[in-house]
Amino acid sequence: PEDMPTIAHAMTAAGYDTVLAGRMHFKGHDQNHGFARR
């Protein structure tokens, strides 16, 4: 679910530039789930 917080949300809120490079196997429209960039 998009409203379920992830470690990416937490790290972004803590001041990190959160980047996902490559695979995570997300289903659905939201392909970031808290990562600022992919």
Full PDB file with SEQRES, HELIX, SHEET, SSBOND, CRYST1, ORIGX, SCALE, CONECT and MASTER records, all heavy atoms in Angstrom:
SEQRES   1 A   38  PRO GLU ASP MET PRO THR ILE ALA HIS ALA MET THR ALA          
SEQRES   2 A   38  ALA GLY TYR ASP THR VAL LEU ALA GLY ARG MET HIS PHE          
SEQRES   3 A   38  LYS GLY HIS ASP GLN ASN HIS GLY PHE ALA ARG ARG              
HELIX    1 AA1 ILE A    7  ALA A   13  1                                   7    
CRYST1    1.000    1.000    1.000  90.00  90.00  90.00 P 1           1          
ORIGX1      1.000000  0.000000  0.000000        0.00000                         
ORIGX2      0.000000  1.000000  0.000000        0.00000                         
ORIGX3      0.000000  0.000000  1.000000        0.00000                         
SCALE1      1.000000  0.000000  0.000000        0.00000                         
SCALE2      0.000000  1.000000  0.000000        0.00000                         
SCALE3      0.000000  0.000000  1.000000        0.00000                         
ATOM      1  N   PRO A   1       0.822  -1.220   0.000  1.00  0.00           N  
ATOM      2  CA  PRO A   1       0.000   0.000   0.000  1.00  0.00           C  
ATOM      3  C   PRO A   1       0.852   1.265   0.000  1.00  0.00           C  
ATOM      4  O   PRO A   1       1.897   1.324   0.648  1.00  0.00           O  
ATOM      5  CB  PRO A   1      -0.807  -0.126   1.297  1.00  0.00           C  
ATOM      6  CG  PRO A   1      -0.831  -1.590   1.602  1.00  0.00           C  
ATOM      7  CD  PRO A   1       0.485  -2.112   1.132  1.00  0.00           C  
ATOM      8  N   GLU A   2       0.390   2.277  -0.710  1.00  0.00           N  
ATOM      9  CA  GLU A   2       1.139   3.532  -0.801  1.00  0.00           C  
ATOM     10  C   GLU A   2       1.214   4.253   0.541  1.00  0.00           C  
ATOM     11  O   GLU A   2       2.147   5.031   0.775  1.00  0.00           O  
ATOM     12  CB  GLU A   2       0.505   4.450  -1.850  1.00  0.00           C  
ATOM     13  CG  GLU A   2       0.669   3.963  -3.277  1.00  0.00           C  
ATOM     14  CD  GLU A   2       0.200   4.994  -4.286  1.00  0.00           C  
ATOM     15  OE1 GLU A   2       0.538   6.173  -4.120  1.00  0.00           O  
ATOM     16  OE2 GLU A   2      -0.512   4.624  -5.234  1.00  0.00           O  
ATOM     17  N   ASP A   3       0.251   3.992   1.433  1.00  0.00           N  
ATOM     18  CA  ASP A   3       0.257   4.677   2.724  1.00  0.00           C  
ATOM     19  C   ASP A   3       0.959   3.866   3.804  1.00  0.00           C  
ATOM     20  O   ASP A   3       0.878   4.203   4.988  1.00  0.00           O  
ATOM     21  CB  ASP A   3      -1.169   5.007   3.159  1.00  0.00           C  
ATOM     22  CG  ASP A   3      -2.027   3.776   3.410  1.00  0.00           C  
ATOM     23  OD1 ASP A   3      -1.582   2.654   3.056  1.00  0.00           O  
ATOM     24  OD2 ASP A   3      -3.139   3.922   3.966  1.00  0.00           O  
ATOM     25  N   MET A   4       1.663   2.806   3.424  1.00  0.00           N  
ATOM     26  CA  MET A   4       2.423   2.025   4.387  1.00  0.00           C  
ATOM     27  C   MET A   4       3.872   2.510   4.374  1.00  0.00           C  
ATOM     28  O   MET A   4       4.579   2.352   3.382  1.00  0.00           O  
ATOM     29  CB  MET A   4       2.355   0.528   4.057  1.00  0.00           C  
ATOM     30  CG  MET A   4       2.937  -0.363   5.140  1.00  0.00           C  
ATOM     31  SD  MET A   4       2.617  -2.125   4.818  1.00  0.00           S  
ATOM     32  CE  MET A   4       0.850  -2.216   5.152  1.00  0.00           C  
ATOM     33  N   PRO A   5       4.355   3.111   5.452  1.00  0.00           N  
ATOM     34  CA  PRO A   5       5.705   3.678   5.458  1.00  0.00           C  
ATOM     35  C   PRO A   5       6.775   2.611   5.265  1.00  0.00           C  
ATOM     36  O   PRO A   5       6.654   1.481   5.750  1.00  0.00           O  
ATOM     37  CB  PRO A   5       5.813   4.314   6.850  1.00  0.00           C  
ATOM     38  CG  PRO A   5       4.409   4.495   7.313  1.00  0.00           C  
ATOM     39  CD  PRO A   5       3.637   3.368   6.714  1.00  0.00           C  
ATOM     40  N   THR A   6       7.840   2.989   4.547  1.00  0.00           N  
ATOM     41  CA  THR A   6       8.969   2.099   4.314  1.00  0.00           C  
ATOM     42  C   THR A   6      10.250   2.740   4.838  1.00  0.00           C  
ATOM     43  O   THR A   6      10.262   3.925   5.217  1.00  0.00           O  
ATOM     44  CB  THR A   6       9.152   1.817   2.818  1.00  0.00           C  
ATOM     45  OG1 THR A   6       9.624   3.021   2.180  1.00  0.00           O  
ATOM     46  CG2 THR A   6       7.855   1.357   2.169  1.00  0.00           C  
ATOM     47  N   ILE A   7      11.321   1.989   4.799  1.00  0.00           N  
ATOM     48  CA  ILE A   7      12.611   2.526   5.189  1.00  0.00           C  
ATOM     49  C   ILE A   7      13.015   3.686   4.292  1.00  0.00           C  
ATOM     50  O   ILE A   7      13.713   4.608   4.726  1.00  0.00           O  
ATOM     51  CB  ILE A   7      13.680   1.411   5.175  1.00  0.00           C  
ATOM     52  CG1 ILE A   7      14.964   1.893   5.853  1.00  0.00           C  
ATOM     53  CG2 ILE A   7      13.943   0.894   3.766  1.00  0.00           C  
ATOM     54  CD1 ILE A   7      15.992   0.795   6.061  1.00  0.00           C  
ATOM     55  N   ALA A   8      12.542   3.673   3.037  1.00  0.00           N  
ATOM     56  CA  ALA A   8      12.857   4.778   2.131  1.00  0.00           C  
ATOM     57  C   ALA A   8      12.183   6.067   2.582  1.00  0.00           C  
ATOM     58  O   ALA A   8      12.770   7.155   2.509  1.00  0.00           O  
ATOM     59  CB  ALA A   8      12.441   4.423   0.701  1.00  0.00           C  
ATOM     60  N   HIS A   9      10.929   5.975   3.030  1.00  0.00           N  
ATOM     61  CA  HIS A   9      10.264   7.154   3.589  1.00  0.00           C  
ATOM     62  C   HIS A   9      11.045   7.682   4.799  1.00  0.00           C  
ATOM     63  O   HIS A   9      11.279   8.888   4.936  1.00  0.00           O  
ATOM     64  CB  HIS A   9       8.840   6.814   4.038  1.00  0.00           C  
ATOM     65  CG  HIS A   9       7.878   6.555   2.921  1.00  0.00           C  
ATOM     66  ND1 HIS A   9       7.453   5.297   2.578  1.00  0.00           N  
ATOM     67  CD2 HIS A   9       7.253   7.399   2.072  1.00  0.00           C  
ATOM     68  CE1 HIS A   9       6.597   5.369   1.572  1.00  0.00           C  
ATOM     69  NE2 HIS A   9       6.458   6.641   1.241  1.00  0.00           N  
ATOM     70  N   ALA A  10      11.455   6.755   5.670  1.00  0.00           N  
ATOM     71  CA  ALA A  10      12.139   7.156   6.898  1.00  0.00           C  
ATOM     72  C   ALA A  10      13.488   7.800   6.606  1.00  0.00           C  
ATOM     73  O   ALA A  10      13.861   8.811   7.230  1.00  0.00           O  
ATOM     74  CB  ALA A  10      12.318   5.938   7.806  1.00  0.00           C  
ATOM     75  N   MET A  11      14.226   7.239   5.651  1.00  0.00           N  
ATOM     76  CA  MET A  11      15.546   7.783   5.329  1.00  0.00           C  
ATOM     77  C   MET A  11      15.425   9.133   4.634  1.00  0.00           C  
ATOM     78  O   MET A  11      16.248  10.040   4.857  1.00  0.00           O  
ATOM     79  CB  MET A  11      16.309   6.790   4.463  1.00  0.00           C  
ATOM     80  CG  MET A  11      16.578   5.451   5.146  1.00  0.00           C  
ATOM     81  SD  MET A  11      17.722   5.560   6.527  1.00  0.00           S  
ATOM     82  CE  MET A  11      19.290   5.593   5.657  1.00  0.00           C  
ATOM     83  N   THR A  12      14.410   9.288   3.802  1.00  0.00           N  
ATOM     84  CA  THR A  12      14.179  10.579   3.150  1.00  0.00           C  
ATOM     85  C   THR A  12      13.852  11.640   4.198  1.00  0.00           C  
ATOM     86  O   THR A  12      14.394  12.752   4.173  1.00  0.00           O  
ATOM     87  CB  THR A  12      13.036  10.480   2.127  1.00  0.00           C  
ATOM     88  OG1 THR A  12      13.358   9.488   1.149  1.00  0.00           O  
ATOM     89  CG2 THR A  12      12.823  11.809   1.418  1.00  0.00           C  
ATOM     90  N   ALA A  13      12.981  11.287   5.137  1.00  0.00           N  
ATOM     91  CA  ALA A  13      12.606  12.236   6.193  1.00  0.00           C  
ATOM     92  C   ALA A  13      13.795  12.581   7.083  1.00  0.00           C  
ATOM     93  O   ALA A  13      13.853  13.676   7.650  1.00  0.00           O  
ATOM     94  CB  ALA A  13      11.477  11.638   7.033  1.00  0.00           C  
ATOM     95  N   ALA A  14      14.769  11.673   7.185  1.00  0.00           N  
ATOM     96  CA  ALA A  14      15.949  11.913   8.022  1.00  0.00           C  
ATOM     97  C   ALA A  14      17.000  12.765   7.325  1.00  0.00           C  
ATOM     98  O   ALA A  14      18.025  13.096   7.929  1.00  0.00           O  
ATOM     99  CB  ALA A  14      16.563  10.578   8.439  1.00  0.00           C  
ATOM    100  N   GLY A  15      16.750  13.125   6.052  1.00  0.00           N  
ATOM    101  CA  GLY A  15      17.669  14.012   5.360  1.00  0.00           C  
ATOM    102  C   GLY A  15      18.507  13.364   4.274  1.00  0.00           C  
ATOM    103  O   GLY A  15      19.398  14.006   3.711  1.00  0.00           O  
ATOM    104  N   TYR A  16      18.221  12.110   3.949  1.00  0.00           N  
ATOM    105  CA  TYR A  16      18.979  11.403   2.925  1.00  0.00           C  
ATOM    106  C   TYR A  16      18.408  11.625   1.519  1.00  0.00           C  
ATOM    107  O   TYR A  16      17.202  11.837   1.351  1.00  0.00           O  
ATOM    108  CB  TYR A  16      18.980   9.899   3.209  1.00  0.00           C  
ATOM    109  CG  TYR A  16      20.040   9.464   4.196  1.00  0.00           C  
ATOM    110  CD1 TYR A  16      19.820   9.589   5.568  1.00  0.00           C  
ATOM    111  CD2 TYR A  16      21.245   8.940   3.768  1.00  0.00           C  
ATOM    112  CE1 TYR A  16      20.784   9.197   6.480  1.00  0.00           C  
ATOM    113  CE2 TYR A  16      22.218   8.539   4.679  1.00  0.00           C  
ATOM    114  CZ  TYR A  16      21.986   8.679   6.029  1.00  0.00           C  
ATOM    115  OH  TYR A  16      22.946   8.300   6.923  1.00  0.00           O  
ATOM    116  N   ASP A  17      19.306  11.597   0.546  1.00  0.00           N  
ATOM    117  CA  ASP A  17      18.912  11.478  -0.856  1.00  0.00           C  
ATOM    118  C   ASP A  17      18.725   9.990  -1.107  1.00  0.00           C  
ATOM    119  O   ASP A  17      19.690   9.235  -1.162  1.00  0.00           O  
ATOM    120  CB  ASP A  17      19.996  12.052  -1.771  1.00  0.00           C  
ATOM    121  CG  ASP A  17      19.648  11.919  -3.248  1.00  0.00           C  
ATOM    122  OD1 ASP A  17      18.454  11.728  -3.567  1.00  0.00           O  
ATOM    123  OD2 ASP A  17      20.570  11.982  -4.082  1.00  0.00           O  
ATOM    124  N   THR A  18      17.487   9.541  -1.235  1.00  0.00           N  
ATOM    125  CA  THR A  18      17.183   8.110  -1.330  1.00  0.00           C  
ATOM    126  C   THR A  18      17.011   7.724  -2.792  1.00  0.00           C  
ATOM    127  O   THR A  18      16.139   8.239  -3.486  1.00  0.00           O  
ATOM    128  CB  THR A  18      15.921   7.772  -0.532  1.00  0.00           C  
ATOM    129  OG1 THR A  18      14.842   8.610  -0.973  1.00  0.00           O  
ATOM    130  CG2 THR A  18      16.146   8.005   0.952  1.00  0.00           C  
ATOM    131  N   VAL A  19      17.827   6.779  -3.234  1.00  0.00           N  
ATOM    132  CA  VAL A  19      17.845   6.386  -4.643  1.00  0.00           C  
ATOM    133  C   VAL A  19      17.755   4.865  -4.746  1.00  0.00           C  
ATOM    134  O   VAL A  19      18.487   4.139  -4.059  1.00  0.00           O  
ATOM    135  CB  VAL A  19      19.130   6.865  -5.357  1.00  0.00           C  
ATOM    136  CG1 VAL A  19      19.081   6.515  -6.837  1.00  0.00           C  
ATOM    137  CG2 VAL A  19      19.326   8.357  -5.155  1.00  0.00           C  
ATOM    138  N   LEU A  20      16.876   4.406  -5.601  1.00  0.00           N  
ATOM    139  CA  LEU A  20      16.770   2.987  -5.928  1.00  0.00           C  
ATOM    140  C   LEU A  20      17.301   2.781  -7.335  1.00  0.00           C  
ATOM    141  O   LEU A  20      16.759   3.332  -8.290  1.00  0.00           O  
ATOM    142  CB  LEU A  20      15.318   2.518  -5.829  1.00  0.00           C  
ATOM    143  CG  LEU A  20      15.017   1.104  -6.339  1.00  0.00           C  
ATOM    144  CD1 LEU A  20      15.823   0.060  -5.572  1.00  0.00           C  
ATOM    145  CD2 LEU A  20      13.522   0.804  -6.247  1.00  0.00           C  
ATOM    146  N   ALA A  21      18.370   1.997  -7.458  1.00  0.00           N  
ATOM    147  CA  ALA A  21      18.928   1.673  -8.771  1.00  0.00           C  
ATOM    148  C   ALA A  21      18.657   0.207  -9.042  1.00  0.00           C  
ATOM    149  O   ALA A  21      19.255  -0.668  -8.421  1.00  0.00           O  
ATOM    150  CB  ALA A  21      20.433   1.953  -8.803  1.00  0.00           C  
ATOM    151  N   GLY A  22      17.723  -0.067  -9.945  1.00  0.00           N  
ATOM    152  CA  GLY A  22      17.463  -1.442 -10.329  1.00  0.00           C  
ATOM    153  C   GLY A  22      16.246  -2.056  -9.673  1.00  0.00           C  
ATOM    154  O   GLY A  22      15.234  -1.407  -9.442  1.00  0.00           O  
ATOM    155  N   ARG A  23      16.378  -3.315  -9.313  1.00  0.00           N  
ATOM    156  CA  ARG A  23      15.246  -4.165  -8.976  1.00  0.00           C  
ATOM    157  C   ARG A  23      14.712  -3.953  -7.565  1.00  0.00           C  
ATOM    158  O   ARG A  23      15.476  -3.793  -6.617  1.00  0.00           O  
ATOM    159  CB  ARG A  23      15.659  -5.625  -9.134  1.00  0.00           C  
ATOM    160  CG  ARG A  23      14.563  -6.635  -8.790  1.00  0.00           C  
ATOM    161  CD  ARG A  23      14.842  -7.960  -9.414  1.00  0.00           C  
ATOM    162  NE  ARG A  23      13.852  -8.960  -9.060  1.00  0.00           N  
ATOM    163  CZ  ARG A  23      12.628  -9.013  -9.564  1.00  0.00           C  
ATOM    164  NH1 ARG A  23      12.227  -8.102 -10.437  1.00  0.00           N  
ATOM    165  NH2 ARG A  23      11.797  -9.973  -9.210  1.00  0.00           N  
ATOM    166  N   MET A  24      13.367  -3.984  -7.444  1.00  0.00           N  
ATOM    167  CA  MET A  24      12.721  -4.086  -6.151  1.00  0.00           C  
ATOM    168  C   MET A  24      11.426  -4.886  -6.243  1.00  0.00           C  
ATOM    169  O   MET A  24      10.854  -5.271  -5.243  1.00  0.00           O  
ATOM    170  CB  MET A  24      12.461  -2.702  -5.548  1.00  0.00           C  
ATOM    171  CG  MET A  24      12.043  -2.724  -4.082  1.00  0.00           C  
ATOM    172  SD  MET A  24      13.156  -3.646  -2.996  1.00  0.00           S  
ATOM    173  CE  MET A  24      14.521  -2.525  -2.832  1.00  0.00           C  
ATOM    174  N   HIS A  25      10.951  -5.141  -7.444  1.00  0.00           N  
ATOM    175  CA  HIS A  25       9.757  -5.979  -7.673  1.00  0.00           C  
ATOM    176  C   HIS A  25       8.498  -5.371  -7.054  1.00  0.00           C  
ATOM    177  O   HIS A  25       7.678  -6.064  -6.453  1.00  0.00           O  
ATOM    178  CB  HIS A  25       9.969  -7.398  -7.145  1.00  0.00           C  
ATOM    179  CG  HIS A  25       9.162  -8.430  -7.870  1.00  0.00           C  
ATOM    180  ND1 HIS A  25       9.532  -9.752  -7.965  1.00  0.00           N  
ATOM    181  CD2 HIS A  25       8.009  -8.335  -8.563  1.00  0.00           C  
ATOM    182  CE1 HIS A  25       8.641 -10.428  -8.658  1.00  0.00           C  
ATOM    183  NE2 HIS A  25       7.699  -9.577  -9.036  1.00  0.00           N  
ATOM    184  N   PHE A  26       8.340  -4.056  -7.215  1.00  0.00           N  
ATOM    185  CA  PHE A  26       7.114  -3.411  -6.784  1.00  0.00           C  
ATOM    186  C   PHE A  26       5.989  -3.752  -7.759  1.00  0.00           C  
ATOM    187  O   PHE A  26       6.174  -3.751  -8.972  1.00  0.00           O  
ATOM    188  CB  PHE A  26       7.278  -1.887  -6.756  1.00  0.00           C  
ATOM    189  CG  PHE A  26       8.135  -1.379  -5.632  1.00  0.00           C  
ATOM    190  CD1 PHE A  26       9.081  -0.387  -5.861  1.00  0.00           C  
ATOM    191  CD2 PHE A  26       7.990  -1.859  -4.338  1.00  0.00           C  
ATOM    192  CE1 PHE A  26       9.871   0.107  -4.838  1.00  0.00           C  
ATOM    193  CE2 PHE A  26       8.770  -1.367  -3.305  1.00  0.00           C  
ATOM    194  CZ  PHE A  26       9.712  -0.382  -3.559  1.00  0.00           C  
ATOM    195  N   LYS A  27       4.798  -3.983  -7.231  1.00  0.00           N  
ATOM    196  CA  LYS A  27       3.598  -4.135  -8.056  1.00  0.00           C  
ATOM    197  C   LYS A  27       2.813  -2.826  -8.033  1.00  0.00           C  
ATOM    198  O   LYS A  27       2.832  -2.088  -7.054  1.00  0.00           O  
ATOM    199  CB  LYS A  27       2.713  -5.260  -7.519  1.00  0.00           C  
ATOM    200  CG  LYS A  27       3.353  -6.627  -7.552  1.00  0.00           C  
ATOM    201  CD  LYS A  27       3.572  -7.140  -8.964  1.00  0.00           C  
ATOM    202  CE  LYS A  27       2.271  -7.491  -9.656  1.00  0.00           C  
ATOM    203  NZ  LYS A  27       2.487  -8.196 -10.923  1.00  0.00           N  
ATOM    204  N   GLY A  28       2.125  -2.558  -9.154  1.00  0.00           N  
ATOM    205  CA  GLY A  28       1.235  -1.423  -9.187  1.00  0.00           C  
ATOM    206  C   GLY A  28       1.867  -0.136  -9.664  1.00  0.00           C  
ATOM    207  O   GLY A  28       3.004  -0.098 -10.142  1.00  0.00           O  
ATOM    208  N   HIS A  29       1.108   0.950  -9.517  1.00  0.00           N  
ATOM    209  CA  HIS A  29       1.504   2.247 -10.062  1.00  0.00           C  
ATOM    210  C   HIS A  29       2.700   2.843  -9.335  1.00  0.00           C  
ATOM    211  O   HIS A  29       3.600   3.413  -9.965  1.00  0.00           O  
ATOM    212  CB  HIS A  29       0.313   3.213  -9.986  1.00  0.00           C  
ATOM    213  CG  HIS A  29       0.658   4.622 -10.384  1.00  0.00           C  
ATOM    214  ND1 HIS A  29       0.881   4.989 -11.691  1.00  0.00           N  
ATOM    215  CD2 HIS A  29       0.839   5.745  -9.631  1.00  0.00           C  
ATOM    216  CE1 HIS A  29       1.179   6.280 -11.738  1.00  0.00           C  
ATOM    217  NE2 HIS A  29       1.160   6.758 -10.510  1.00  0.00           N  
ATOM    218  N   ASP A  30       2.731   2.755  -8.011  1.00  0.00           N  
ATOM    219  CA  ASP A  30       3.809   3.353  -7.232  1.00  0.00           C  
ATOM    220  C   ASP A  30       5.056   2.484  -7.350  1.00  0.00           C  
ATOM    221  O   ASP A  30       5.123   1.376  -6.802  1.00  0.00           O  
ATOM    222  CB  ASP A  30       3.388   3.473  -5.765  1.00  0.00           C  
ATOM    223  CG  ASP A  30       4.407   4.244  -4.930  1.00  0.00           C  
ATOM    224  OD1 ASP A  30       5.494   4.559  -5.457  1.00  0.00           O  
ATOM    225  OD2 ASP A  30       4.110   4.519  -3.746  1.00  0.00           O  
ATOM    226  N   GLN A  31       6.054   2.972  -8.055  1.00  0.00           N  
ATOM    227  CA  GLN A  31       7.294   2.228  -8.253  1.00  0.00           C  
ATOM    228  C   GLN A  31       8.450   2.821  -7.447  1.00  0.00           C  
ATOM    229  O   GLN A  31       9.608   2.489  -7.708  1.00  0.00           O  
ATOM    230  CB  GLN A  31       7.648   2.186  -9.740  1.00  0.00           C  
ATOM    231  CG  GLN A  31       6.730   1.296 -10.559  1.00  0.00           C  
ATOM    232  CD  GLN A  31       6.901  -0.171 -10.203  1.00  0.00           C  
ATOM    233  OE1 GLN A  31       7.982  -0.738 -10.366  1.00  0.00           O  
ATOM    234  NE2 GLN A  31       5.832  -0.800  -9.726  1.00  0.00           N  
ATOM    235  N   ASN A  32       8.129   3.668  -6.481  1.00  0.00           N  
ATOM    236  CA  ASN A  32       9.169   4.272  -5.630  1.00  0.00           C  
ATOM    237  C   ASN A  32       8.986   3.953  -4.148  1.00  0.00           C  
ATOM    238  O   ASN A  32       9.951   3.702  -3.445  1.00  0.00           O  
ATOM    239  CB  ASN A  32       9.205   5.783  -5.827  1.00  0.00           C  
ATOM    240  CG  ASN A  32       9.864   6.163  -7.132  1.00  0.00           C  
ATOM    241  OD1 ASN A  32       9.733   5.485  -8.145  1.00  0.00           O  
ATOM    242  ND2 ASN A  32      10.600   7.270  -7.125  1.00  0.00           N  
ATOM    243  N   HIS A  33       7.765   4.015  -3.639  1.00  0.00           N  
ATOM    244  CA  HIS A  33       7.461   3.720  -2.237  1.00  0.00           C  
ATOM    245  C   HIS A  33       8.429   4.393  -1.274  1.00  0.00           C  
ATOM    246  O   HIS A  33       8.997   3.767  -0.384  1.00  0.00           O  
ATOM    247  CB  HIS A  33       7.432   2.206  -2.004  1.00  0.00           C  
ATOM    248  CG  HIS A  33       6.202   1.548  -2.554  1.00  0.00           C  
ATOM    249  ND1 HIS A  33       4.992   1.587  -1.904  1.00  0.00           N  
ATOM    250  CD2 HIS A  33       6.006   0.872  -3.717  1.00  0.00           C  
ATOM    251  CE1 HIS A  33       4.094   0.937  -2.629  1.00  0.00           C  
ATOM    252  NE2 HIS A  33       4.686   0.502  -3.742  1.00  0.00           N  
ATOM    253  N   GLY A  34       8.621   5.678  -1.486  1.00  0.00           N  
ATOM    254  CA  GLY A  34       9.424   6.479  -0.570  1.00  0.00           C  
ATOM    255  C   GLY A  34      10.790   6.866  -1.100  1.00  0.00           C  
ATOM    256  O   GLY A  34      11.402   7.800  -0.580  1.00  0.00           O  
ATOM    257  N   PHE A  35      11.291   6.165  -2.119  1.00  0.00           N  
ATOM    258  CA  PHE A  35      12.558   6.572  -2.723  1.00  0.00           C  
ATOM    259  C   PHE A  35      12.337   7.853  -3.526  1.00  0.00           C  
ATOM    260  O   PHE A  35      11.355   7.976  -4.269  1.00  0.00           O  
ATOM    261  CB  PHE A  35      13.089   5.480  -3.648  1.00  0.00           C  
ATOM    262  CG  PHE A  35      13.644   4.282  -2.925  1.00  0.00           C  
ATOM    263  CD1 PHE A  35      12.861   3.157  -2.702  1.00  0.00           C  
ATOM    264  CD2 PHE A  35      14.951   4.296  -2.444  1.00  0.00           C  
ATOM    265  CE1 PHE A  35      13.367   2.054  -2.035  1.00  0.00           C  
ATOM    266  CE2 PHE A  35      15.467   3.199  -1.771  1.00  0.00           C  
ATOM    267  CZ  PHE A  35      14.666   2.070  -1.562  1.00  0.00           C  
ATOM    268  N   ALA A  36      13.270   8.794  -3.396  1.00  0.00           N  
ATOM    269  CA  ALA A  36      13.136  10.061  -4.101  1.00  0.00           C  
ATOM    270  C   ALA A  36      13.354   9.902  -5.597  1.00  0.00           C  
ATOM    271  O   ALA A  36      12.746  10.616  -6.399  1.00  0.00           O  
ATOM    272  CB  ALA A  36      14.135  11.079  -3.537  1.00  0.00           C  
ATOM    273  N   ARG A  37      14.226   8.948  -5.963  1.00  0.00           N  
ATOM    274  CA  ARG A  37      14.541   8.726  -7.376  1.00  0.00           C  
ATOM    275  C   ARG A  37      14.704   7.244  -7.635  1.00  0.00           C  
ATOM    276  O   ARG A  37      15.023   6.472  -6.736  1.00  0.00           O  
ATOM    277  CB  ARG A  37      15.844   9.437  -7.762  1.00  0.00           C  
ATOM    278  CG  ARG A  37      15.779  10.940  -7.786  1.00  0.00           C  
ATOM    279  CD  ARG A  37      17.118  11.496  -8.241  1.00  0.00           C  
ATOM    280  NE  ARG A  37      18.139  11.413  -7.204  1.00  0.00           N  
ATOM    281  CZ  ARG A  37      19.447  11.437  -7.428  1.00  0.00           C  
ATOM    282  NH1 ARG A  37      19.886  11.477  -8.694  1.00  0.00           N  
ATOM    283  NH2 ARG A  37      20.313  11.409  -6.431  1.00  0.00           N  
ATOM    284  N   ARG A  38      14.490   6.872  -8.914  1.00  0.00           N  
ATOM    285  CA  ARG A  38      14.715   5.485  -9.320  1.00  0.00           C  
ATOM    286  C   ARG A  38      15.482   5.463 -10.627  1.00  0.00           C  
ATOM    287  O   ARG A  38      15.124   6.169 -11.582  1.00  0.00           O  
ATOM    288  CB  ARG A  38      13.396   4.737  -9.465  1.00  0.00           C  
ATOM    289  CG  ARG A  38      13.618   3.271  -9.806  1.00  0.00           C  
ATOM    290  CD  ARG A  38      12.401   2.425  -9.585  1.00  0.00           C  
ATOM    291  NE  ARG A  38      12.747   1.016  -9.771  1.00  0.00           N  
ATOM    292  CZ  ARG A  38      11.907   0.019  -9.622  1.00  0.00           C  
ATOM    293  NH1 ARG A  38      10.653   0.261  -9.284  1.00  0.00           N  
ATOM    294  NH2 ARG A  38      12.300  -1.232  -9.817  1.00  0.00           N  
TER     295      ARG A  38                                                      
MASTER        0    0    0    1    0    0    0    6  294    1    0    3          
END                                                                             
